[in-house]
Amino acid sequence: MTPEQLRLLLSSPSLTVPVAADLTAAAVLAPLFFQDGALQVLFTQRTNEVRDHQGQISFPGGIQAPEDKSFLDTALREAGEEIGLDPKVVEVLGALAPISTVTGYQIYSFVGLIPYPYDFQINQREVARLIILPVMPLLEPERWSTRPYEWQGQTKLAFFCQYQDITVWGATARILIQILARLDPKFHPGPA
């Protein structure tokens, strides 16, 4: 896959879906880059000090601030705060459909092409580590499953993606599914 193909597959108009009244608006950036010709995706692992989703694999992002002019501004600002990514070096490729979470968020997601290598500056209060995964193996159906998990005394179903010792699940997996489906229209992880 080339950067030009990536731009074509992921380009999309901005979405103007309003935030549901009972949800908090948040936005994330899914950073992609090429390393030795192979497409990679960057995740963070959240620390145990953050308010929600402690220890989980996520994309850089967070709650919309009053000074943010758009959800894209939120995603870029949060990526700057969490991993030191300068918004000026991000080529925004497109927006994904917003998703809601059982924890009360409506997440607006954006995909961006970033330079690599890059001198990331990790905010150690929010980010325990960076995780870089190759994209193509994530398209393999055997890496995906749907499993139950417990939340506030209720059993919920979620998508899980396993790559070596890394488990991407929940909202992050749902965002990843949207990206993978754009890259390969035949991709389908199964029901959740």
N, C-alpha and C. Protein backbone atom coordinates (compact mmCIF):
# COMPACT_ATOMS: atom_id res chain seq x y z
N MET A 1 0.85 -1.18 0.00
CA MET A 1 0.00 0.00 0.00
C MET A 1 0.89 1.24 0.00
N THR A 2 0.49 2.22 -0.75
CA THR A 2 1.26 3.46 -0.85
C THR A 2 0.52 4.58 -0.10
N PRO A 3 1.21 5.68 0.20
CA PRO A 3 0.51 6.81 0.82
C PRO A 3 -0.65 7.32 -0.04
N GLU A 4 -0.49 7.29 -1.36
CA GLU A 4 -1.56 7.75 -2.24
C GLU A 4 -2.80 6.86 -2.12
N GLN A 5 -2.59 5.53 -2.08
CA GLN A 5 -3.72 4.60 -1.91
C GLN A 5 -4.39 4.82 -0.56
N LEU A 6 -3.58 5.04 0.45
CA LEU A 6 -4.11 5.28 1.79
C LEU A 6 -4.99 6.52 1.80
N ARG A 7 -4.53 7.57 1.16
CA ARG A 7 -5.32 8.81 1.09
C ARG A 7 -6.68 8.57 0.43
N LEU A 8 -6.68 7.81 -0.66
CA LEU A 8 -7.93 7.53 -1.36
C LEU A 8 -8.89 6.70 -0.51
N LEU A 9 -8.37 5.70 0.16
CA LEU A 9 -9.21 4.79 0.94
C LEU A 9 -9.79 5.43 2.19
N LEU A 10 -9.05 6.36 2.78
CA LEU A 10 -9.47 6.91 4.07
C LEU A 10 -10.08 8.31 3.98
N SER A 11 -10.03 8.92 2.80
CA SER A 11 -10.58 10.27 2.70
C SER A 11 -12.10 10.22 2.91
N SER A 12 -12.57 11.22 3.62
CA SER A 12 -14.00 11.30 3.88
C SER A 12 -14.33 12.73 4.30
N PRO A 13 -15.56 13.13 4.10
CA PRO A 13 -15.96 14.47 4.54
C PRO A 13 -16.06 14.50 6.06
N SER A 14 -16.00 15.68 6.62
CA SER A 14 -16.19 15.84 8.07
C SER A 14 -17.63 15.47 8.42
N LEU A 15 -17.78 14.86 9.57
CA LEU A 15 -19.11 14.45 10.01
C LEU A 15 -19.69 15.50 10.94
N THR A 16 -20.96 15.74 10.83
CA THR A 16 -21.61 16.74 11.67
C THR A 16 -22.67 16.10 12.57
N VAL A 17 -22.39 14.91 13.04
CA VAL A 17 -23.32 14.22 13.93
C VAL A 17 -23.28 14.90 15.30
N PRO A 18 -24.43 15.37 15.80
CA PRO A 18 -24.42 16.04 17.11
C PRO A 18 -24.17 15.04 18.24
N VAL A 19 -23.66 15.56 19.32
CA VAL A 19 -23.41 14.74 20.51
C VAL A 19 -24.73 14.42 21.18
N ALA A 20 -24.93 13.16 21.53
CA ALA A 20 -26.13 12.77 22.25
C ALA A 20 -26.17 13.49 23.59
N ALA A 21 -27.36 13.86 24.02
CA ALA A 21 -27.53 14.68 25.22
C ALA A 21 -26.95 14.03 26.48
N ASP A 22 -26.97 12.71 26.55
CA ASP A 22 -26.51 12.04 27.76
C ASP A 22 -25.05 11.58 27.66
N LEU A 23 -24.32 12.01 26.62
CA LEU A 23 -22.94 11.58 26.43
C LEU A 23 -21.99 12.77 26.44
N THR A 24 -20.74 12.50 26.79
CA THR A 24 -19.68 13.51 26.79
C THR A 24 -18.89 13.40 25.50
N ALA A 25 -18.70 14.52 24.82
CA ALA A 25 -17.97 14.53 23.55
C ALA A 25 -16.48 14.32 23.79
N ALA A 26 -15.89 13.42 23.00
CA ALA A 26 -14.46 13.16 23.04
C ALA A 26 -14.00 12.91 21.61
N ALA A 27 -12.71 13.03 21.39
CA ALA A 27 -12.17 12.79 20.04
C ALA A 27 -10.81 12.14 20.16
N VAL A 28 -10.50 11.29 19.17
CA VAL A 28 -9.21 10.61 19.13
C VAL A 28 -8.60 10.73 17.74
N LEU A 29 -7.28 10.57 17.72
CA LEU A 29 -6.53 10.51 16.46
C LEU A 29 -5.94 9.12 16.34
N ALA A 30 -6.20 8.46 15.22
CA ALA A 30 -5.57 7.17 14.93
C ALA A 30 -4.37 7.45 14.02
N PRO A 31 -3.15 7.49 14.59
CA PRO A 31 -1.98 7.81 13.79
C PRO A 31 -1.47 6.60 13.00
N LEU A 32 -1.31 6.79 11.70
CA LEU A 32 -0.74 5.78 10.83
C LEU A 32 0.57 6.30 10.27
N PHE A 33 1.49 5.38 9.97
CA PHE A 33 2.74 5.77 9.33
C PHE A 33 3.33 4.57 8.61
N PHE A 34 4.25 4.85 7.73
CA PHE A 34 4.95 3.79 7.01
C PHE A 34 6.34 3.60 7.60
N GLN A 35 6.68 2.35 7.83
CA GLN A 35 8.02 1.98 8.30
C GLN A 35 8.52 0.87 7.40
N ASP A 36 9.60 1.14 6.69
CA ASP A 36 10.14 0.18 5.73
C ASP A 36 9.08 -0.28 4.74
N GLY A 37 8.22 0.64 4.32
CA GLY A 37 7.20 0.35 3.33
C GLY A 37 5.94 -0.31 3.87
N ALA A 38 5.94 -0.68 5.16
CA ALA A 38 4.78 -1.35 5.75
C ALA A 38 3.97 -0.35 6.59
N LEU A 39 2.65 -0.39 6.44
CA LEU A 39 1.76 0.49 7.18
C LEU A 39 1.68 0.05 8.64
N GLN A 40 1.84 1.02 9.54
CA GLN A 40 1.80 0.77 10.98
C GLN A 40 0.73 1.66 11.60
N VAL A 41 0.22 1.25 12.76
CA VAL A 41 -0.73 2.06 13.51
C VAL A 41 -0.19 2.22 14.93
N LEU A 42 -0.35 3.44 15.45
CA LEU A 42 0.17 3.74 16.78
C LEU A 42 -0.97 3.82 17.78
N PHE A 43 -0.80 3.11 18.88
CA PHE A 43 -1.73 3.14 20.01
C PHE A 43 -0.97 3.62 21.24
N THR A 44 -1.72 3.97 22.26
CA THR A 44 -1.13 4.22 23.56
C THR A 44 -1.73 3.21 24.54
N GLN A 45 -1.00 2.95 25.60
CA GLN A 45 -1.60 2.22 26.72
C GLN A 45 -1.78 3.25 27.83
N ARG A 46 -3.00 3.37 28.31
CA ARG A 46 -3.31 4.36 29.34
C ARG A 46 -2.73 3.93 30.69
N THR A 47 -2.36 4.91 31.50
CA THR A 47 -1.86 4.61 32.83
C THR A 47 -3.02 4.24 33.74
N ASN A 48 -2.71 3.89 34.96
CA ASN A 48 -3.74 3.62 35.96
C ASN A 48 -4.14 4.90 36.70
N GLU A 49 -3.55 6.04 36.31
CA GLU A 49 -3.84 7.32 36.97
C GLU A 49 -4.98 8.08 36.28
N VAL A 50 -5.35 7.70 35.06
CA VAL A 50 -6.40 8.42 34.35
C VAL A 50 -7.77 8.04 34.92
N ARG A 51 -8.75 8.90 34.67
CA ARG A 51 -10.07 8.71 35.27
C ARG A 51 -10.80 7.47 34.75
N ASP A 52 -10.78 7.28 33.43
CA ASP A 52 -11.52 6.17 32.84
C ASP A 52 -10.59 5.31 31.99
N HIS A 53 -10.98 4.05 31.83
CA HIS A 53 -10.29 3.12 30.92
C HIS A 53 -8.82 2.91 31.30
N GLN A 54 -8.56 2.80 32.59
CA GLN A 54 -7.20 2.61 33.07
C GLN A 54 -6.56 1.36 32.48
N GLY A 55 -5.30 1.52 32.04
CA GLY A 55 -4.52 0.39 31.54
C GLY A 55 -4.91 -0.10 30.16
N GLN A 56 -5.95 0.46 29.56
CA GLN A 56 -6.42 -0.04 28.27
C GLN A 56 -5.60 0.52 27.12
N ILE A 57 -5.64 -0.21 26.00
CA ILE A 57 -5.03 0.23 24.76
C ILE A 57 -6.00 1.22 24.12
N SER A 58 -5.48 2.35 23.67
CA SER A 58 -6.35 3.37 23.09
C SER A 58 -5.61 4.14 22.01
N PHE A 59 -6.33 5.03 21.36
CA PHE A 59 -5.70 6.02 20.49
C PHE A 59 -5.55 7.29 21.30
N PRO A 60 -4.57 8.14 20.96
CA PRO A 60 -4.45 9.41 21.68
C PRO A 60 -5.74 10.21 21.51
N GLY A 61 -6.23 10.74 22.62
CA GLY A 61 -7.46 11.52 22.55
C GLY A 61 -8.01 11.83 23.92
N GLY A 62 -9.13 12.53 23.93
CA GLY A 62 -9.75 12.88 25.20
C GLY A 62 -10.98 13.74 25.00
N ILE A 63 -11.42 14.33 26.09
CA ILE A 63 -12.66 15.11 26.14
C ILE A 63 -12.47 16.45 25.44
N GLN A 64 -13.52 16.88 24.74
CA GLN A 64 -13.48 18.17 24.07
C GLN A 64 -13.40 19.29 25.10
N ALA A 65 -12.48 20.23 24.87
CA ALA A 65 -12.31 21.39 25.75
C ALA A 65 -13.06 22.58 25.16
N PRO A 66 -13.44 23.53 26.00
CA PRO A 66 -14.19 24.70 25.51
C PRO A 66 -13.45 25.46 24.40
N GLU A 67 -12.12 25.47 24.45
CA GLU A 67 -11.36 26.22 23.43
C GLU A 67 -11.24 25.49 22.09
N ASP A 68 -11.61 24.22 22.05
CA ASP A 68 -11.53 23.46 20.79
C ASP A 68 -12.63 23.94 19.85
N LYS A 69 -12.23 24.30 18.63
CA LYS A 69 -13.21 24.79 17.65
C LYS A 69 -13.95 23.65 16.95
N SER A 70 -13.37 22.44 17.00
CA SER A 70 -13.98 21.28 16.34
C SER A 70 -13.51 20.02 17.03
N PHE A 71 -14.12 18.90 16.66
CA PHE A 71 -13.68 17.62 17.21
C PHE A 71 -12.28 17.28 16.71
N LEU A 72 -11.96 17.69 15.49
CA LEU A 72 -10.61 17.48 14.98
C LEU A 72 -9.60 18.25 15.83
N ASP A 73 -9.94 19.48 16.21
CA ASP A 73 -9.05 20.24 17.10
C ASP A 73 -8.81 19.49 18.40
N THR A 74 -9.87 18.88 18.92
CA THR A 74 -9.75 18.10 20.16
C THR A 74 -8.78 16.95 19.97
N ALA A 75 -8.95 16.19 18.89
CA ALA A 75 -8.08 15.03 18.64
C ALA A 75 -6.62 15.45 18.50
N LEU A 76 -6.38 16.51 17.75
CA LEU A 76 -5.00 16.97 17.53
C LEU A 76 -4.39 17.54 18.82
N ARG A 77 -5.19 18.31 19.57
CA ARG A 77 -4.69 18.86 20.84
C ARG A 77 -4.33 17.75 21.80
N GLU A 78 -5.22 16.76 21.92
CA GLU A 78 -4.97 15.65 22.85
C GLU A 78 -3.75 14.82 22.42
N ALA A 79 -3.58 14.61 21.12
CA ALA A 79 -2.39 13.87 20.65
C ALA A 79 -1.12 14.66 20.99
N GLY A 80 -1.20 15.97 20.91
CA GLY A 80 -0.07 16.80 21.31
C GLY A 80 0.21 16.68 22.79
N GLU A 81 -0.84 16.73 23.61
CA GLU A 81 -0.67 16.65 25.06
C GLU A 81 -0.20 15.27 25.51
N GLU A 82 -0.71 14.21 24.88
CA GLU A 82 -0.41 12.85 25.35
C GLU A 82 0.90 12.29 24.82
N ILE A 83 1.19 12.54 23.53
CA ILE A 83 2.39 11.92 22.96
C ILE A 83 3.34 12.92 22.31
N GLY A 84 3.06 14.22 22.45
CA GLY A 84 3.94 15.24 21.91
C GLY A 84 3.92 15.35 20.40
N LEU A 85 2.80 14.96 19.78
CA LEU A 85 2.69 15.00 18.33
C LEU A 85 2.26 16.40 17.89
N ASP A 86 3.11 17.07 17.13
CA ASP A 86 2.81 18.42 16.64
C ASP A 86 1.69 18.33 15.61
N PRO A 87 0.58 19.06 15.80
CA PRO A 87 -0.53 19.00 14.84
C PRO A 87 -0.10 19.36 13.41
N LYS A 88 0.94 20.17 13.28
CA LYS A 88 1.39 20.60 11.94
C LYS A 88 1.98 19.46 11.12
N VAL A 89 2.39 18.36 11.77
CA VAL A 89 2.99 17.26 11.01
C VAL A 89 1.97 16.17 10.68
N VAL A 90 0.74 16.34 11.12
CA VAL A 90 -0.31 15.34 10.89
C VAL A 90 -1.05 15.66 9.60
N GLU A 91 -1.05 14.72 8.67
CA GLU A 91 -1.88 14.85 7.46
C GLU A 91 -3.18 14.11 7.77
N VAL A 92 -4.24 14.88 8.02
CA VAL A 92 -5.52 14.27 8.36
C VAL A 92 -6.10 13.64 7.10
N LEU A 93 -6.33 12.33 7.17
CA LEU A 93 -6.82 11.59 6.01
C LEU A 93 -8.33 11.51 5.95
N GLY A 94 -8.97 11.50 7.09
CA GLY A 94 -10.42 11.41 7.08
C GLY A 94 -10.99 11.23 8.47
N ALA A 95 -12.32 11.28 8.53
CA ALA A 95 -13.06 11.10 9.78
C ALA A 95 -13.81 9.77 9.70
N LEU A 96 -14.05 9.19 10.85
CA LEU A 96 -14.82 7.95 10.95
C LEU A 96 -16.17 8.25 11.60
N ALA A 97 -17.06 7.31 11.53
CA ALA A 97 -18.37 7.48 12.18
C ALA A 97 -18.17 7.53 13.69
N PRO A 98 -18.83 8.47 14.38
CA PRO A 98 -18.68 8.51 15.83
C PRO A 98 -19.28 7.27 16.48
N ILE A 99 -18.72 6.90 17.61
CA ILE A 99 -19.23 5.76 18.36
C ILE A 99 -19.51 6.19 19.80
N SER A 100 -20.45 5.52 20.44
CA SER A 100 -20.72 5.80 21.84
C SER A 100 -20.21 4.63 22.68
N THR A 101 -19.92 4.93 23.94
CA THR A 101 -19.38 3.91 24.84
C THR A 101 -20.30 3.73 26.04
N VAL A 102 -20.19 2.58 26.69
CA VAL A 102 -20.99 2.34 27.89
C VAL A 102 -20.53 3.23 29.04
N THR A 103 -19.33 3.79 28.92
CA THR A 103 -18.80 4.67 29.96
C THR A 103 -19.25 6.12 29.78
N GLY A 104 -20.11 6.39 28.78
CA GLY A 104 -20.73 7.70 28.67
C GLY A 104 -20.07 8.69 27.72
N TYR A 105 -19.32 8.20 26.76
CA TYR A 105 -18.66 9.09 25.80
C TYR A 105 -19.20 8.87 24.39
N GLN A 106 -19.20 9.93 23.62
CA GLN A 106 -19.41 9.85 22.17
C GLN A 106 -18.07 10.25 21.56
N ILE A 107 -17.44 9.29 20.87
CA ILE A 107 -16.07 9.49 20.39
C ILE A 107 -16.08 9.77 18.89
N TYR A 108 -15.48 10.90 18.54
CA TYR A 108 -15.28 11.29 17.15
C TYR A 108 -13.83 10.92 16.81
N SER A 109 -13.66 10.15 15.74
CA SER A 109 -12.33 9.62 15.41
C SER A 109 -11.84 10.15 14.08
N PHE A 110 -10.56 10.42 14.04
CA PHE A 110 -9.89 10.91 12.84
C PHE A 110 -8.66 10.08 12.58
N VAL A 111 -8.37 9.85 11.31
CA VAL A 111 -7.18 9.09 10.93
C VAL A 111 -6.17 10.06 10.34
N GLY A 112 -4.94 9.95 10.80
CA GLY A 112 -3.90 10.86 10.32
C GLY A 112 -2.64 10.12 9.94
N LEU A 113 -2.00 10.59 8.90
CA LEU A 113 -0.70 10.06 8.48
C LEU A 113 0.37 10.93 9.13
N ILE A 114 1.30 10.30 9.83
CA ILE A 114 2.33 11.05 10.55
C ILE A 114 3.71 10.64 10.06
N PRO A 115 4.71 11.49 10.28
CA PRO A 115 6.07 11.12 9.90
C PRO A 115 6.63 10.08 10.88
N TYR A 116 7.54 9.28 10.37
CA TYR A 116 8.21 8.31 11.24
C TYR A 116 9.60 8.06 10.69
N PRO A 117 10.63 8.01 11.52
CA PRO A 117 10.56 8.13 12.98
C PRO A 117 10.18 9.52 13.44
N TYR A 118 9.69 9.59 14.68
CA TYR A 118 9.26 10.85 15.26
C TYR A 118 9.69 10.86 16.72
N ASP A 119 10.07 12.01 17.23
CA ASP A 119 10.51 12.14 18.61
C ASP A 119 9.29 12.37 19.51
N PHE A 120 8.58 11.29 19.82
CA PHE A 120 7.39 11.39 20.67
C PHE A 120 7.80 11.80 22.08
N GLN A 121 6.99 12.63 22.70
CA GLN A 121 7.19 13.06 24.09
C GLN A 121 5.97 12.57 24.88
N ILE A 122 6.16 11.50 25.62
CA ILE A 122 5.05 10.85 26.31
C ILE A 122 4.71 11.57 27.61
N ASN A 123 3.43 11.88 27.79
CA ASN A 123 2.91 12.42 29.04
C ASN A 123 2.75 11.23 29.98
N GLN A 124 3.66 11.08 30.91
CA GLN A 124 3.70 9.87 31.74
C GLN A 124 2.55 9.77 32.73
N ARG A 125 1.83 10.86 32.94
CA ARG A 125 0.66 10.77 33.81
C ARG A 125 -0.50 10.06 33.10
N GLU A 126 -0.57 10.23 31.76
CA GLU A 126 -1.68 9.66 31.00
C GLU A 126 -1.30 8.42 30.19
N VAL A 127 -0.06 8.35 29.73
CA VAL A 127 0.35 7.29 28.81
C VAL A 127 1.45 6.43 29.43
N ALA A 128 1.17 5.14 29.58
CA ALA A 128 2.16 4.21 30.13
C ALA A 128 3.21 3.84 29.08
N ARG A 129 2.77 3.68 27.81
CA ARG A 129 3.70 3.34 26.74
C ARG A 129 3.02 3.51 25.39
N LEU A 130 3.85 3.61 24.35
CA LEU A 130 3.37 3.60 22.98
C LEU A 130 3.41 2.18 22.47
N ILE A 131 2.44 1.84 21.64
CA ILE A 131 2.38 0.51 21.03
C ILE A 131 2.23 0.70 19.53
N ILE A 132 3.11 0.08 18.78
CA ILE A 132 3.07 0.16 17.32
C ILE A 132 2.80 -1.23 16.77
N LEU A 133 1.74 -1.34 15.97
CA LEU A 133 1.37 -2.63 15.39
C LEU A 133 1.32 -2.50 13.87
N PRO A 134 1.75 -3.55 13.17
CA PRO A 134 1.59 -3.55 11.70
C PRO A 134 0.12 -3.71 11.35
N VAL A 135 -0.35 -2.98 10.36
CA VAL A 135 -1.77 -2.99 10.02
C VAL A 135 -2.19 -4.26 9.32
N MET A 136 -1.41 -4.74 8.36
CA MET A 136 -1.87 -5.86 7.53
C MET A 136 -2.24 -7.11 8.34
N PRO A 137 -1.47 -7.53 9.35
CA PRO A 137 -1.89 -8.70 10.12
C PRO A 137 -3.20 -8.49 10.88
N LEU A 138 -3.56 -7.25 11.17
CA LEU A 138 -4.81 -6.99 11.89
C LEU A 138 -6.03 -7.27 11.04
N LEU A 139 -5.84 -7.42 9.73
CA LEU A 139 -6.94 -7.77 8.82
C LEU A 139 -7.26 -9.26 8.85
N GLU A 140 -6.41 -10.06 9.49
CA GLU A 140 -6.61 -11.52 9.53
C GLU A 140 -7.76 -11.85 10.48
N PRO A 141 -8.80 -12.53 10.00
CA PRO A 141 -9.99 -12.81 10.83
C PRO A 141 -9.67 -13.59 12.10
N GLU A 142 -8.67 -14.45 12.07
CA GLU A 142 -8.36 -15.26 13.26
C GLU A 142 -7.85 -14.42 14.43
N ARG A 143 -7.49 -13.18 14.19
CA ARG A 143 -7.04 -12.30 15.28
C ARG A 143 -8.23 -11.69 16.04
N TRP A 144 -9.41 -11.82 15.49
CA TRP A 144 -10.59 -11.16 16.03
C TRP A 144 -11.53 -12.13 16.73
N SER A 145 -12.14 -11.67 17.80
CA SER A 145 -13.16 -12.46 18.48
C SER A 145 -14.16 -11.51 19.13
N THR A 146 -15.29 -12.06 19.51
CA THR A 146 -16.29 -11.33 20.28
C THR A 146 -16.42 -12.05 21.60
N ARG A 147 -16.23 -11.30 22.68
CA ARG A 147 -16.26 -11.93 24.00
C ARG A 147 -17.06 -11.07 24.98
N PRO A 148 -17.60 -11.70 26.01
CA PRO A 148 -18.30 -10.93 27.04
C PRO A 148 -17.30 -10.29 28.01
N TYR A 149 -17.72 -9.19 28.62
CA TYR A 149 -16.96 -8.58 29.71
C TYR A 149 -17.97 -8.00 30.69
N GLU A 150 -17.56 -7.82 31.90
CA GLU A 150 -18.44 -7.30 32.95
C GLU A 150 -18.22 -5.80 33.10
N TRP A 151 -19.31 -5.04 33.17
CA TRP A 151 -19.23 -3.61 33.44
C TRP A 151 -20.42 -3.21 34.28
N GLN A 152 -20.14 -2.70 35.48
CA GLN A 152 -21.16 -2.28 36.44
C GLN A 152 -22.23 -3.34 36.65
N GLY A 153 -21.78 -4.57 36.83
CA GLY A 153 -22.68 -5.67 37.13
C GLY A 153 -23.45 -6.22 35.95
N GLN A 154 -23.15 -5.73 34.76
CA GLN A 154 -23.83 -6.22 33.57
C GLN A 154 -22.82 -6.88 32.64
N THR A 155 -23.29 -7.87 31.90
CA THR A 155 -22.45 -8.52 30.92
C THR A 155 -22.68 -7.87 29.56
N LYS A 156 -21.60 -7.42 28.95
CA LYS A 156 -21.64 -6.78 27.63
C LYS A 156 -20.78 -7.59 26.68
N LEU A 157 -21.03 -7.43 25.37
CA LEU A 157 -20.19 -8.06 24.36
C LEU A 157 -19.31 -7.01 23.72
N ALA A 158 -18.08 -7.41 23.39
CA ALA A 158 -17.16 -6.47 22.75
C ALA A 158 -16.29 -7.21 21.76
N PHE A 159 -15.77 -6.46 20.79
CA PHE A 159 -14.76 -6.98 19.88
C PHE A 159 -13.41 -6.98 20.56
N PHE A 160 -12.63 -8.01 20.28
CA PHE A 160 -11.26 -8.13 20.76
C PHE A 160 -10.37 -8.46 19.58
N CYS A 161 -9.21 -7.81 19.51
CA CYS A 161 -8.21 -8.11 18.49
C CYS A 161 -6.91 -8.45 19.21
N GLN A 162 -6.34 -9.59 18.90
CA GLN A 162 -5.12 -10.05 19.56
C GLN A 162 -3.96 -10.05 18.57
N TYR A 163 -2.89 -9.37 18.95
CA TYR A 163 -1.65 -9.40 18.16
C TYR A 163 -0.51 -9.62 19.15
N GLN A 164 0.08 -10.79 19.09
CA GLN A 164 1.11 -11.19 20.06
C GLN A 164 0.56 -10.99 21.46
N ASP A 165 1.22 -10.17 22.31
CA ASP A 165 0.72 -10.00 23.68
C ASP A 165 -0.14 -8.76 23.85
N ILE A 166 -0.56 -8.15 22.75
CA ILE A 166 -1.37 -6.93 22.79
C ILE A 166 -2.83 -7.26 22.49
N THR A 167 -3.72 -6.80 23.35
CA THR A 167 -5.15 -6.98 23.14
C THR A 167 -5.81 -5.62 22.98
N VAL A 168 -6.37 -5.39 21.81
CA VAL A 168 -7.13 -4.17 21.54
C VAL A 168 -8.61 -4.57 21.62
N TRP A 169 -9.38 -3.85 22.42
CA TRP A 169 -10.78 -4.24 22.57
C TRP A 169 -11.65 -3.02 22.82
N GLY A 170 -12.95 -3.26 22.86
CA GLY A 170 -13.90 -2.21 23.18
C GLY A 170 -13.97 -1.12 22.13
N ALA A 171 -14.06 0.13 22.58
CA ALA A 171 -14.20 1.27 21.67
C ALA A 171 -13.03 1.37 20.72
N THR A 172 -11.83 1.13 21.21
CA THR A 172 -10.65 1.21 20.34
C THR A 172 -10.72 0.17 19.23
N ALA A 173 -11.17 -1.03 19.56
CA ALA A 173 -11.34 -2.07 18.54
C ALA A 173 -12.41 -1.67 17.53
N ARG A 174 -13.48 -1.03 17.98
CA ARG A 174 -14.54 -0.60 17.06
C ARG A 174 -14.03 0.49 16.11
N ILE A 175 -13.18 1.37 16.60
CA ILE A 175 -12.57 2.39 15.74
C ILE A 175 -11.62 1.72 14.75
N LEU A 176 -10.81 0.79 15.24
CA LEU A 176 -9.89 0.06 14.38
C LEU A 176 -10.64 -0.69 13.28
N ILE A 177 -11.77 -1.27 13.60
CA ILE A 177 -12.59 -1.98 12.61
C ILE A 177 -12.99 -1.04 11.47
N GLN A 178 -13.37 0.19 11.82
CA GLN A 178 -13.75 1.15 10.77
C GLN A 178 -12.57 1.44 9.84
N ILE A 179 -11.38 1.57 10.42
CA ILE A 179 -10.19 1.83 9.60
C ILE A 179 -9.91 0.64 8.69
N LEU A 180 -9.91 -0.55 9.26
CA LEU A 180 -9.60 -1.76 8.48
C LEU A 180 -10.62 -2.00 7.38
N ALA A 181 -11.90 -1.70 7.66
CA ALA A 181 -12.95 -1.88 6.64
C ALA A 181 -12.76 -0.91 5.48
N ARG A 182 -12.19 0.25 5.75
CA ARG A 182 -11.89 1.19 4.65
C ARG A 182 -10.71 0.68 3.83
N LEU A 183 -9.75 0.07 4.50
CA LEU A 183 -8.56 -0.42 3.80
C LEU A 183 -8.85 -1.67 2.99
N ASP A 184 -9.77 -2.49 3.49
CA ASP A 184 -10.15 -3.72 2.80
C ASP A 184 -11.66 -3.94 2.97
N PRO A 185 -12.46 -3.63 1.95
CA PRO A 185 -13.92 -3.75 2.07
C PRO A 185 -14.39 -5.17 2.41
N LYS A 186 -13.55 -6.18 2.21
CA LYS A 186 -13.93 -7.56 2.54
C LYS A 186 -13.71 -7.88 4.01
N PHE A 187 -13.02 -7.00 4.71
CA PHE A 187 -12.73 -7.26 6.13
C PHE A 187 -14.03 -7.25 6.94
N HIS A 188 -14.16 -8.26 7.79
CA HIS A 188 -15.30 -8.32 8.72
C HIS A 188 -14.88 -9.13 9.94
N PRO A 189 -14.94 -8.52 11.14
CA PRO A 189 -14.48 -9.21 12.34
C PRO A 189 -15.49 -10.17 12.95
N GLY A 190 -16.72 -10.16 12.49
CA GLY A 190 -17.75 -11.00 13.09
C GLY A 190 -18.70 -10.18 13.94
N PRO A 191 -19.73 -10.79 14.50
CA PRO A 191 -20.74 -10.05 15.26
C PRO A 191 -20.25 -9.66 16.66
N ALA A 192 -20.79 -8.56 17.14
CA ALA A 192 -20.54 -8.14 18.55
C ALA A 192 -21.80 -7.54 19.12
